Amino acid sequence: MAGLDFRSTDNAWYTVEKLDLDEKKHTLTVRLLGFSDKEVFIVKTFKTAGELDRFSKRFRPACIQLQDVECKGVKPGLEVCALLKIGKTQKFYNGVLKSVYPEPHKHVKGEDTCFCKFEVVWSEGPRQCHTEKMGIEAVCKRQHGSALFDHSLRSFLEMSRAHLDS
């Protein structure tokens, strides 16, 4: 099953572990991978189509971790979601790949390991418009398309639209 990313209230992107739709209570619970916290949304809280549209844009197809063997094919301009480290805080934000600084790969435990550096221009978050160099382990490729392949999300949005129309 394809996964989802979700923009939480802190404006960072997180991988969705599970969406729970409760059709009787008209709620959608978003559980994030690696976190015990959850966010619960109720159909009747959306007062306008614009609010519902903004909510739906907080979901997207999950980003894919850039793999060590892919670095040679990565070009500037690639839309990424990368790990921003500020002190002990680590969160993912959108950015654009500005430059790739190739380094020799090494074999570690029989696998090709990338030591290249990737310069990302942050397009959002607390370092918006600034650049940062990072290793491949901090870079994910953004996937385009709709998040409505997820049945729970699609059903919740349909319930919310029906509530707005009533």
N, C-alpha and C. Protein backbone atom coordinates (compact mmCIF):
# COMPACT_ATOMS: atom_id res chain seq x y z
N MET A 1 0.83 -1.17 0.00
CA MET A 1 0.00 0.00 0.00
C MET A 1 0.88 1.24 0.00
N ALA A 2 0.52 2.21 -0.83
CA ALA A 2 1.24 3.47 -0.85
C ALA A 2 0.96 4.23 0.43
N GLY A 3 1.92 4.99 0.88
CA GLY A 3 1.77 5.71 2.12
C GLY A 3 1.43 7.17 1.91
N LEU A 4 1.20 7.82 3.03
CA LEU A 4 0.87 9.24 3.04
C LEU A 4 1.84 9.99 3.93
N ASP A 5 2.04 11.26 3.58
CA ASP A 5 2.68 12.21 4.48
C ASP A 5 1.60 13.18 4.92
N PHE A 6 1.81 13.78 6.10
CA PHE A 6 0.84 14.70 6.67
C PHE A 6 1.57 15.91 7.24
N ARG A 7 1.08 17.11 6.91
CA ARG A 7 1.65 18.32 7.49
C ARG A 7 0.92 18.57 8.81
N SER A 8 1.66 18.45 9.89
CA SER A 8 1.08 18.59 11.22
C SER A 8 0.93 20.06 11.59
N THR A 9 0.42 20.30 12.78
CA THR A 9 0.19 21.67 13.24
C THR A 9 1.49 22.45 13.40
N ASP A 10 2.64 21.77 13.49
CA ASP A 10 3.93 22.47 13.57
C ASP A 10 4.50 22.80 12.19
N ASN A 11 3.72 22.52 11.12
CA ASN A 11 4.07 22.78 9.72
C ASN A 11 5.17 21.88 9.16
N ALA A 12 5.61 20.90 9.92
CA ALA A 12 6.57 19.92 9.41
C ALA A 12 5.78 18.75 8.81
N TRP A 13 6.46 17.97 7.97
CA TRP A 13 5.85 16.80 7.33
C TRP A 13 6.23 15.54 8.08
N TYR A 14 5.26 14.65 8.26
CA TYR A 14 5.46 13.39 8.95
C TYR A 14 4.83 12.26 8.14
N THR A 15 5.38 11.07 8.29
CA THR A 15 4.81 9.89 7.65
C THR A 15 3.61 9.42 8.46
N VAL A 16 2.51 9.17 7.77
CA VAL A 16 1.31 8.67 8.43
C VAL A 16 1.48 7.17 8.69
N GLU A 17 1.28 6.77 9.93
CA GLU A 17 1.27 5.34 10.24
C GLU A 17 -0.09 4.75 9.88
N LYS A 18 -1.15 5.50 10.26
CA LYS A 18 -2.49 4.98 10.02
C LYS A 18 -3.51 6.11 10.09
N LEU A 19 -4.52 6.02 9.24
CA LEU A 19 -5.69 6.89 9.32
C LEU A 19 -6.85 6.04 9.79
N ASP A 20 -7.51 6.46 10.86
CA ASP A 20 -8.68 5.74 11.37
C ASP A 20 -9.92 6.59 11.13
N LEU A 21 -10.82 6.08 10.32
CA LEU A 21 -12.08 6.75 10.04
C LEU A 21 -13.17 6.13 10.91
N ASP A 22 -13.84 6.97 11.68
CA ASP A 22 -14.98 6.51 12.47
C ASP A 22 -16.22 7.14 11.84
N GLU A 23 -16.94 6.36 11.04
CA GLU A 23 -18.09 6.89 10.31
C GLU A 23 -19.26 7.25 11.22
N LYS A 24 -19.35 6.59 12.38
CA LYS A 24 -20.44 6.91 13.32
C LYS A 24 -20.18 8.23 14.04
N LYS A 25 -18.93 8.47 14.43
CA LYS A 25 -18.59 9.71 15.13
C LYS A 25 -18.19 10.82 14.16
N HIS A 26 -18.08 10.48 12.88
CA HIS A 26 -17.68 11.44 11.84
C HIS A 26 -16.31 12.05 12.15
N THR A 27 -15.36 11.18 12.49
CA THR A 27 -14.01 11.65 12.81
C THR A 27 -12.96 10.91 11.99
N LEU A 28 -11.83 11.58 11.82
CA LEU A 28 -10.65 11.00 11.21
C LEU A 28 -9.50 11.19 12.18
N THR A 29 -8.88 10.09 12.57
CA THR A 29 -7.73 10.15 13.47
C THR A 29 -6.47 9.88 12.67
N VAL A 30 -5.51 10.79 12.78
CA VAL A 30 -4.23 10.67 12.08
C VAL A 30 -3.18 10.24 13.10
N ARG A 31 -2.61 9.07 12.86
CA ARG A 31 -1.54 8.55 13.71
C ARG A 31 -0.24 8.64 12.91
N LEU A 32 0.77 9.27 13.50
CA LEU A 32 2.04 9.49 12.83
C LEU A 32 3.05 8.41 13.20
N LEU A 33 3.80 7.96 12.22
CA LEU A 33 4.79 6.91 12.42
C LEU A 33 5.86 7.37 13.42
N GLY A 34 6.07 6.57 14.46
CA GLY A 34 7.10 6.86 15.44
C GLY A 34 6.67 7.80 16.55
N PHE A 35 5.39 8.17 16.58
CA PHE A 35 4.89 9.09 17.61
C PHE A 35 3.65 8.50 18.26
N SER A 36 3.49 8.73 19.55
CA SER A 36 2.29 8.24 20.22
C SER A 36 1.15 9.25 20.09
N ASP A 37 1.49 10.51 19.83
CA ASP A 37 0.46 11.54 19.65
C ASP A 37 -0.38 11.24 18.43
N LYS A 38 -1.59 11.78 18.43
CA LYS A 38 -2.47 11.63 17.28
C LYS A 38 -3.25 12.93 17.14
N GLU A 39 -3.75 13.18 15.95
CA GLU A 39 -4.59 14.34 15.70
C GLU A 39 -5.95 13.83 15.24
N VAL A 40 -7.00 14.37 15.84
CA VAL A 40 -8.37 13.94 15.53
C VAL A 40 -9.10 15.11 14.88
N PHE A 41 -9.75 14.83 13.76
CA PHE A 41 -10.50 15.84 13.02
C PHE A 41 -11.97 15.42 12.95
N ILE A 42 -12.86 16.39 13.13
CA ILE A 42 -14.29 16.14 13.15
C ILE A 42 -14.93 16.83 11.95
N VAL A 43 -15.82 16.12 11.28
CA VAL A 43 -16.49 16.63 10.08
C VAL A 43 -17.07 18.02 10.30
N LYS A 44 -17.78 18.21 11.40
CA LYS A 44 -18.52 19.46 11.59
C LYS A 44 -17.63 20.67 11.91
N THR A 45 -16.33 20.47 12.12
CA THR A 45 -15.46 21.61 12.41
C THR A 45 -15.16 22.44 11.16
N PHE A 46 -15.36 21.86 9.98
CA PHE A 46 -15.10 22.59 8.74
C PHE A 46 -16.33 23.43 8.39
N LYS A 47 -16.15 24.74 8.34
CA LYS A 47 -17.26 25.66 8.11
C LYS A 47 -17.37 26.12 6.66
N THR A 48 -16.26 25.99 5.91
CA THR A 48 -16.28 26.43 4.51
C THR A 48 -15.56 25.41 3.64
N ALA A 49 -15.83 25.47 2.35
CA ALA A 49 -15.14 24.60 1.39
C ALA A 49 -13.65 24.92 1.38
N GLY A 50 -13.30 26.19 1.59
CA GLY A 50 -11.89 26.58 1.64
C GLY A 50 -11.14 25.92 2.78
N GLU A 51 -11.78 25.87 3.96
CA GLU A 51 -11.16 25.20 5.11
C GLU A 51 -10.93 23.72 4.80
N LEU A 52 -11.91 23.10 4.19
CA LEU A 52 -11.80 21.68 3.86
C LEU A 52 -10.71 21.45 2.82
N ASP A 53 -10.62 22.34 1.85
CA ASP A 53 -9.58 22.24 0.82
C ASP A 53 -8.19 22.38 1.45
N ARG A 54 -8.01 23.34 2.35
CA ARG A 54 -6.72 23.52 3.02
C ARG A 54 -6.37 22.27 3.84
N PHE A 55 -7.37 21.69 4.49
CA PHE A 55 -7.13 20.45 5.24
C PHE A 55 -6.68 19.33 4.31
N SER A 56 -7.33 19.17 3.19
CA SER A 56 -6.98 18.07 2.26
C SER A 56 -5.56 18.23 1.73
N LYS A 57 -5.08 19.47 1.61
CA LYS A 57 -3.72 19.73 1.11
C LYS A 57 -2.65 19.44 2.15
N ARG A 58 -3.06 19.10 3.35
CA ARG A 58 -2.10 18.71 4.39
C ARG A 58 -1.69 17.25 4.22
N PHE A 59 -2.26 16.56 3.25
CA PHE A 59 -1.91 15.17 2.93
C PHE A 59 -1.30 15.11 1.54
N ARG A 60 -0.37 14.19 1.37
CA ARG A 60 0.23 13.96 0.05
C ARG A 60 0.79 12.55 0.01
N PRO A 61 1.08 12.04 -1.21
CA PRO A 61 1.75 10.74 -1.28
C PRO A 61 3.09 10.82 -0.54
N ALA A 62 3.43 9.77 0.15
CA ALA A 62 4.65 9.76 0.97
C ALA A 62 5.89 9.98 0.12
N CYS A 63 6.81 10.74 0.68
CA CYS A 63 8.10 10.95 0.04
C CYS A 63 8.91 9.66 0.10
N ILE A 64 9.85 9.53 -0.83
CA ILE A 64 10.66 8.31 -0.91
C ILE A 64 12.11 8.65 -0.60
N GLN A 65 12.67 7.93 0.35
CA GLN A 65 14.07 8.13 0.75
C GLN A 65 14.98 7.96 -0.46
N LEU A 66 15.86 8.92 -0.67
CA LEU A 66 16.85 8.84 -1.74
C LEU A 66 17.83 7.72 -1.40
N GLN A 67 18.08 6.84 -2.34
CA GLN A 67 18.94 5.69 -2.10
C GLN A 67 20.38 5.99 -2.56
N ASP A 68 21.34 5.32 -1.94
CA ASP A 68 22.76 5.56 -2.22
C ASP A 68 23.10 5.44 -3.70
N VAL A 69 22.50 4.49 -4.40
CA VAL A 69 22.83 4.26 -5.81
C VAL A 69 22.18 5.30 -6.74
N GLU A 70 21.29 6.14 -6.22
CA GLU A 70 20.57 7.11 -7.04
C GLU A 70 21.28 8.45 -7.17
N CYS A 71 22.32 8.69 -6.41
CA CYS A 71 22.89 10.04 -6.33
C CYS A 71 23.38 10.57 -7.67
N LYS A 72 23.90 9.70 -8.52
CA LYS A 72 24.42 10.16 -9.81
C LYS A 72 23.32 10.67 -10.73
N GLY A 73 22.10 10.22 -10.53
CA GLY A 73 20.99 10.65 -11.37
C GLY A 73 20.22 11.84 -10.82
N VAL A 74 20.60 12.31 -9.64
CA VAL A 74 19.89 13.42 -9.01
C VAL A 74 20.42 14.73 -9.57
N LYS A 75 19.51 15.59 -9.96
CA LYS A 75 19.88 16.86 -10.58
C LYS A 75 19.32 18.04 -9.79
N PRO A 76 20.00 19.18 -9.86
CA PRO A 76 19.46 20.40 -9.24
C PRO A 76 18.05 20.68 -9.75
N GLY A 77 17.22 21.21 -8.87
CA GLY A 77 15.82 21.49 -9.21
C GLY A 77 14.87 20.43 -8.70
N LEU A 78 15.40 19.28 -8.25
CA LEU A 78 14.55 18.22 -7.73
C LEU A 78 13.84 18.71 -6.47
N GLU A 79 12.52 18.51 -6.42
CA GLU A 79 11.76 18.85 -5.22
C GLU A 79 11.98 17.76 -4.18
N VAL A 80 12.37 18.17 -2.99
CA VAL A 80 12.69 17.22 -1.94
C VAL A 80 11.96 17.58 -0.65
N CYS A 81 11.95 16.65 0.26
CA CYS A 81 11.55 16.89 1.64
C CYS A 81 12.75 16.40 2.43
N ALA A 82 13.37 17.31 3.18
CA ALA A 82 14.64 16.98 3.81
C ALA A 82 14.59 17.22 5.31
N LEU A 83 15.50 16.56 5.99
CA LEU A 83 15.57 16.63 7.44
C LEU A 83 16.30 17.89 7.87
N LEU A 84 15.61 18.72 8.62
CA LEU A 84 16.20 19.93 9.19
C LEU A 84 16.48 19.66 10.66
N LYS A 85 17.74 19.84 11.04
CA LYS A 85 18.14 19.64 12.43
C LYS A 85 18.42 21.00 13.05
N ILE A 86 17.68 21.30 14.11
CA ILE A 86 17.93 22.52 14.88
C ILE A 86 18.06 22.08 16.33
N GLY A 87 19.28 22.11 16.83
CA GLY A 87 19.52 21.60 18.18
C GLY A 87 19.18 20.12 18.22
N LYS A 88 18.33 19.73 19.16
CA LYS A 88 17.92 18.33 19.28
C LYS A 88 16.68 18.03 18.46
N THR A 89 16.09 19.07 17.85
CA THR A 89 14.88 18.91 17.07
C THR A 89 15.21 18.50 15.64
N GLN A 90 14.49 17.50 15.14
CA GLN A 90 14.66 17.04 13.77
C GLN A 90 13.28 16.93 13.13
N LYS A 91 13.07 17.72 12.06
CA LYS A 91 11.78 17.71 11.37
C LYS A 91 12.02 17.80 9.87
N PHE A 92 11.03 17.31 9.11
CA PHE A 92 11.12 17.32 7.66
C PHE A 92 10.34 18.50 7.09
N TYR A 93 10.99 19.22 6.16
CA TYR A 93 10.38 20.34 5.46
C TYR A 93 10.71 20.23 3.98
N ASN A 94 9.89 20.89 3.17
CA ASN A 94 10.10 20.89 1.72
C ASN A 94 11.26 21.81 1.35
N GLY A 95 11.91 21.43 0.27
CA GLY A 95 13.00 22.23 -0.28
C GLY A 95 13.24 21.84 -1.72
N VAL A 96 14.23 22.47 -2.31
CA VAL A 96 14.63 22.19 -3.69
C VAL A 96 16.13 21.94 -3.69
N LEU A 97 16.54 20.91 -4.41
CA LEU A 97 17.95 20.60 -4.51
C LEU A 97 18.65 21.68 -5.34
N LYS A 98 19.66 22.31 -4.74
CA LYS A 98 20.39 23.37 -5.43
C LYS A 98 21.64 22.81 -6.12
N SER A 99 22.39 21.96 -5.40
CA SER A 99 23.64 21.42 -5.93
C SER A 99 23.91 20.03 -5.35
N VAL A 100 24.68 19.27 -6.11
CA VAL A 100 25.17 17.97 -5.64
C VAL A 100 26.69 18.04 -5.67
N TYR A 101 27.32 17.66 -4.57
CA TYR A 101 28.77 17.66 -4.46
C TYR A 101 29.23 16.20 -4.37
N PRO A 102 29.62 15.63 -5.53
CA PRO A 102 29.97 14.21 -5.56
C PRO A 102 31.19 13.89 -4.70
N GLU A 103 31.13 12.77 -4.05
CA GLU A 103 32.23 12.22 -3.27
C GLU A 103 32.35 10.75 -3.64
N PRO A 104 33.54 10.17 -3.49
CA PRO A 104 33.66 8.73 -3.79
C PRO A 104 32.76 7.91 -2.88
N HIS A 105 32.14 6.90 -3.48
CA HIS A 105 31.35 5.96 -2.69
C HIS A 105 32.28 4.92 -2.10
N LYS A 106 31.85 4.34 -1.01
CA LYS A 106 32.63 3.28 -0.36
C LYS A 106 31.73 2.09 -0.16
N HIS A 107 32.35 0.92 -0.09
CA HIS A 107 31.57 -0.28 0.24
C HIS A 107 31.60 -0.45 1.75
N VAL A 108 30.43 -0.42 2.35
CA VAL A 108 30.28 -0.62 3.79
C VAL A 108 29.36 -1.81 3.97
N LYS A 109 29.88 -2.85 4.62
CA LYS A 109 29.13 -4.09 4.83
C LYS A 109 28.59 -4.64 3.51
N GLY A 110 29.43 -4.56 2.45
CA GLY A 110 29.06 -5.11 1.15
C GLY A 110 28.10 -4.26 0.34
N GLU A 111 27.79 -3.07 0.80
CA GLU A 111 26.83 -2.21 0.09
C GLU A 111 27.51 -0.92 -0.34
N ASP A 112 27.10 -0.41 -1.50
CA ASP A 112 27.56 0.87 -2.01
C ASP A 112 27.00 1.97 -1.11
N THR A 113 27.87 2.76 -0.49
CA THR A 113 27.43 3.81 0.42
C THR A 113 27.84 5.17 -0.10
N CYS A 114 26.86 6.05 -0.21
CA CYS A 114 27.06 7.39 -0.76
C CYS A 114 27.58 8.34 0.32
N PHE A 115 28.62 9.10 -0.04
CA PHE A 115 29.15 10.12 0.85
C PHE A 115 29.05 11.51 0.21
N CYS A 116 28.25 11.61 -0.86
CA CYS A 116 28.05 12.89 -1.54
C CYS A 116 27.32 13.85 -0.60
N LYS A 117 27.43 15.12 -0.90
CA LYS A 117 26.70 16.15 -0.15
C LYS A 117 25.66 16.77 -1.08
N PHE A 118 24.52 17.10 -0.52
CA PHE A 118 23.41 17.68 -1.26
C PHE A 118 23.07 19.02 -0.64
N GLU A 119 23.06 20.06 -1.47
CA GLU A 119 22.72 21.39 -0.98
C GLU A 119 21.25 21.65 -1.28
N VAL A 120 20.48 21.92 -0.24
CA VAL A 120 19.04 22.11 -0.35
C VAL A 120 18.70 23.56 0.01
N VAL A 121 17.82 24.16 -0.79
CA VAL A 121 17.26 25.46 -0.46
C VAL A 121 15.90 25.17 0.15
N TRP A 122 15.70 25.59 1.39
CA TRP A 122 14.43 25.34 2.07
C TRP A 122 13.34 26.21 1.47
N SER A 123 12.22 25.61 1.09
CA SER A 123 11.10 26.37 0.54
C SER A 123 10.03 26.63 1.60
N GLU A 124 10.26 26.12 2.80
CA GLU A 124 9.35 26.34 3.92
C GLU A 124 10.08 26.05 5.22
N GLY A 125 9.38 26.27 6.32
CA GLY A 125 9.96 25.96 7.62
C GLY A 125 10.75 27.12 8.19
N PRO A 126 11.39 26.90 9.33
CA PRO A 126 12.09 27.98 10.04
C PRO A 126 13.34 28.49 9.31
N ARG A 127 13.83 27.76 8.32
CA ARG A 127 15.01 28.20 7.56
C ARG A 127 14.65 28.50 6.10
N GLN A 128 13.40 28.84 5.86
CA GLN A 128 12.92 29.13 4.50
C GLN A 128 13.86 30.11 3.80
N CYS A 129 14.18 29.79 2.53
CA CYS A 129 15.05 30.58 1.65
C CYS A 129 16.54 30.44 1.99
N HIS A 130 16.91 29.71 3.01
CA HIS A 130 18.30 29.46 3.34
C HIS A 130 18.72 28.12 2.73
N THR A 131 20.03 27.93 2.60
CA THR A 131 20.54 26.66 2.07
C THR A 131 21.26 25.89 3.17
N GLU A 132 21.33 24.58 2.93
CA GLU A 132 22.02 23.71 3.88
C GLU A 132 22.55 22.50 3.13
N LYS A 133 23.77 22.07 3.48
CA LYS A 133 24.35 20.86 2.91
C LYS A 133 24.07 19.70 3.85
N MET A 134 23.77 18.55 3.24
CA MET A 134 23.45 17.37 4.05
C MET A 134 23.80 16.10 3.28
N GLY A 135 23.85 15.00 3.99
CA GLY A 135 24.09 13.71 3.37
C GLY A 135 22.81 13.12 2.79
N ILE A 136 22.98 12.07 2.02
CA ILE A 136 21.86 11.44 1.31
C ILE A 136 20.79 10.90 2.27
N GLU A 137 21.19 10.54 3.47
CA GLU A 137 20.25 9.97 4.44
C GLU A 137 19.19 10.98 4.89
N ALA A 138 19.42 12.26 4.63
CA ALA A 138 18.49 13.30 5.07
C ALA A 138 17.57 13.79 3.94
N VAL A 139 17.68 13.18 2.76
CA VAL A 139 16.96 13.69 1.59
C VAL A 139 15.95 12.66 1.08
N CYS A 140 14.72 13.13 0.90
CA CYS A 140 13.65 12.31 0.33
C CYS A 140 13.11 13.00 -0.92
N LYS A 141 12.76 12.20 -1.92
CA LYS A 141 12.15 12.74 -3.15
C LYS A 141 10.66 12.92 -2.92
N ARG A 142 10.15 14.09 -3.29
CA ARG A 142 8.72 14.33 -3.18
C ARG A 142 8.00 13.63 -4.32
N GLN A 143 6.86 13.06 -3.99
CA GLN A 143 6.02 12.39 -4.99
C GLN A 143 4.85 13.29 -5.32
N HIS A 144 4.54 13.39 -6.59
CA HIS A 144 3.42 14.23 -7.01
C HIS A 144 2.17 13.38 -7.13
N GLY A 145 1.05 14.02 -7.11
CA GLY A 145 -0.22 13.32 -7.24
C GLY A 145 -1.10 13.57 -6.05
N SER A 146 -2.24 12.97 -6.09
CA SER A 146 -3.27 13.16 -5.07
C SER A 146 -3.12 12.13 -3.95
N ALA A 147 -3.50 12.56 -2.76
CA ALA A 147 -3.52 11.65 -1.61
C ALA A 147 -4.86 10.93 -1.50
N LEU A 148 -5.76 11.18 -2.45
CA LEU A 148 -7.11 10.61 -2.36
C LEU A 148 -7.18 9.13 -2.71
N PHE A 149 -6.05 8.51 -2.97
CA PHE A 149 -6.03 7.06 -3.14
C PHE A 149 -6.35 6.38 -1.81
N ASP A 150 -6.17 7.11 -0.70
CA ASP A 150 -6.45 6.54 0.61
C ASP A 150 -7.95 6.59 0.88
N HIS A 151 -8.55 5.42 1.09
CA HIS A 151 -9.99 5.30 1.27
C HIS A 151 -10.50 6.11 2.47
N SER A 152 -9.80 6.04 3.59
CA SER A 152 -10.25 6.74 4.79
C SER A 152 -10.26 8.24 4.58
N LEU A 153 -9.20 8.77 3.99
CA LEU A 153 -9.13 10.20 3.73
C LEU A 153 -10.22 10.63 2.75
N ARG A 154 -10.35 9.88 1.68
CA ARG A 154 -11.37 10.21 0.66
C ARG A 154 -12.78 10.18 1.27
N SER A 155 -13.07 9.18 2.07
CA SER A 155 -14.39 9.06 2.71
C SER A 155 -14.64 10.20 3.69
N PHE A 156 -13.63 10.57 4.47
CA PHE A 156 -13.78 11.67 5.42
C PHE A 156 -14.06 12.98 4.69
N LEU A 157 -13.35 13.22 3.60
CA LEU A 157 -13.57 14.44 2.83
C LEU A 157 -14.97 14.45 2.20
N GLU A 158 -15.43 13.30 1.74
CA GLU A 158 -16.79 13.22 1.19
C GLU A 158 -17.83 13.50 2.27
N MET A 159 -17.63 12.94 3.48
CA MET A 159 -18.55 13.19 4.59
C MET A 159 -18.55 14.68 4.95
N SER A 160 -17.38 15.28 4.93
CA SER A 160 -17.26 16.70 5.28
C SER A 160 -17.95 17.58 4.23
N ARG A 161 -17.78 17.24 2.96
CA ARG A 161 -18.43 18.01 1.89
C ARG A 161 -19.95 17.89 2.02
N ALA A 162 -20.42 16.68 2.31
CA ALA A 162 -21.86 16.46 2.47
C ALA A 162 -22.40 17.30 3.64
N HIS A 163 -21.62 17.36 4.72
CA HIS A 163 -22.03 18.17 5.87
C HIS A 163 -22.10 19.66 5.49
N LEU A 164 -21.14 20.14 4.72
CA LEU A 164 -21.14 21.53 4.28
C LEU A 164 -22.35 21.83 3.39
N ASP A 165 -22.70 20.86 2.56
CA ASP A 165 -23.83 21.04 1.63
C ASP A 165 -25.19 21.00 2.33
N SER A 166 -25.23 20.41 3.53
CA SER A 166 -26.53 20.28 4.21
C SER A 166 -26.91 21.54 4.98
